[in-house]
C-alpha atoms as a PDB file:
ATOM      1  CA  MET A   1      66.309  75.820  62.002  1.00  0.00           C
ATOM      2  CA  THR A   2      69.400  73.994  60.808  1.00  0.00           C
ATOM      3  CA  HIS A   3      67.751  70.674  61.588  1.00  0.00           C
ATOM      4  CA  MET A   4      64.686  71.660  59.573  1.00  0.00           C
ATOM      5  CA  ASN A   5      66.857  72.518  56.582  1.00  0.00           C
ATOM      6  CA  GLU A   6      68.583  69.146  56.892  1.00  0.00           C
ATOM      7  CA  LEU A   7      65.146  67.503  56.815  1.00  0.00           C
ATOM      8  CA  LEU A   8      64.365  69.320  53.566  1.00  0.00           C
ATOM      9  CA  ILE A   9      67.492  67.822  52.028  1.00  0.00           C
ATOM     10  CA  GLU A  10      66.628  64.341  53.309  1.00  0.00           C
ATOM     11  CA  LEU A  11      63.140  64.628  51.834  1.00  0.00           C
ATOM     12  CA  SER A  12      64.671  65.501  48.475  1.00  0.00           C
ATOM     13  CA  ASP A  13      66.623  62.237  48.524  1.00  0.00           C
ATOM     14  CA  ASP A  14      63.816  59.987  49.813  1.00  0.00           C
ATOM     15  CA  ALA A  15      63.179  57.469  47.031  1.00  0.00           C
ATOM     16  CA  GLU A  16      60.230  55.916  48.891  1.00  0.00           C
ATOM     17  CA  LEU A  17      58.066  59.012  48.430  1.00  0.00           C
ATOM     18  CA  THR A  18      56.330  59.931  45.223  1.00  0.00           C
ATOM     19  CA  ARG A  19      57.215  63.280  43.730  1.00  0.00           C
ATOM     20  CA  GLU A  20      53.859  64.695  44.856  1.00  0.00           C
ATOM     21  CA  ASP A  21      54.248  63.377  48.417  1.00  0.00           C
ATOM     22  CA  ARG A  22      57.795  64.715  48.612  1.00  0.00           C
ATOM     23  CA  TYR A  23      56.609  68.145  47.446  1.00  0.00           C
ATOM     24  CA  ALA A  24      53.738  68.179  49.968  1.00  0.00           C
ATOM     25  CA  GLN A  25      56.059  67.243  52.851  1.00  0.00           C
ATOM     26  CA  GLN A  26      58.621  69.851  51.819  1.00  0.00           C
ATOM     27  CA  GLN A  27      55.927  72.529  51.643  1.00  0.00           C
ATOM     28  CA  ARG A  28      54.707  71.632  55.142  1.00  0.00           C
ATOM     29  CA  LEU A  29      58.264  71.882  56.422  1.00  0.00           C
ATOM     30  CA  ARG A  30      58.881  75.212  54.666  1.00  0.00           C
ATOM     31  CA  ILE A  31      55.730  76.625  56.264  1.00  0.00           C
ATOM     32  CA  ALA A  32      56.903  75.403  59.692  1.00  0.00           C
ATOM     33  CA  ILE A  33      60.307  77.043  59.138  1.00  0.00           C
ATOM     34  CA  ALA A  34      58.641  80.328  58.169  1.00  0.00           C
ATOM     35  CA  HIS A  35      56.371  80.260  61.227  1.00  0.00           C
ATOM     36  CA  LYS A  36      59.332  79.574  63.502  1.00  0.00           C
ATOM     37  CA  GLY A  37      61.221  82.524  62.005  1.00  0.00           C
ATOM     38  CA  ASN A  38      58.234  84.822  62.480  1.00  0.00           C
ATOM     39  CA  HIS A  39      57.736  83.639  66.062  1.00  0.00           C
ATOM     40  CA  HIS A  40      61.410  84.275  66.889  1.00  0.00           C
ATOM     41  CA  ARG A  41      61.225  87.793  65.426  1.00  0.00           C
ATOM     42  CA  GLU A  42      58.071  88.555  67.425  1.00  0.00           C
ATOM     43  CA  GLU A  43      59.710  87.331  70.641  1.00  0.00           C
ATOM     44  CA  THR A  44      62.753  89.504  69.960  1.00  0.00           C
ATOM     45  CA  GLU A  45      60.605  92.596  69.367  1.00  0.00           C
ATOM     46  CA  GLU A  46      58.555  91.903  72.499  1.00  0.00           C
ATOM     47  CA  ARG A  47      61.720  91.483  74.563  1.00  0.00           C
ATOM     48  CA  ARG A  48      63.113  94.766  73.213  1.00  0.00           C
ATOM     49  CA  GLU A  49      59.896  96.544  74.174  1.00  0.00           C
ATOM     50  CA  GLN A  50      60.086  95.092  77.685  1.00  0.00           C
ATOM     51  CA  LEU A  51      63.687  96.237  78.106  1.00  0.00           C
ATOM     52  CA  THR A  52      63.141  99.767  76.847  1.00  0.00           C
ATOM     53  CA  ARG A  53      60.888 102.459  78.152  1.00  0.00           C
ATOM     54  CA  SER A  54      60.694 105.939  76.715  1.00  0.00           C
ATOM     55  CA  GLY A  55      63.685 105.125  74.497  1.00  0.00           C
ATOM     56  CA  THR A  56      65.886 104.212  77.473  1.00  0.00           C
ATOM     57  CA  ILE A  57      67.260 100.757  78.100  1.00  0.00           C
ATOM     58  CA  ILE A  58      66.544  99.750  81.678  1.00  0.00           C
END
């Protein structure tokens, strides 16, 4: 995630991209960051369910 945030900053400073291209690339990266966060949360919830049964940690 940290690396993705660093890429957002680099895109902001990229003088070779037009404003529209920069915005499009940043949006794609923001969507990827959001999906990664959702995937991590889902994995954590699934792991918790696997480790607990009937409210007891096994």
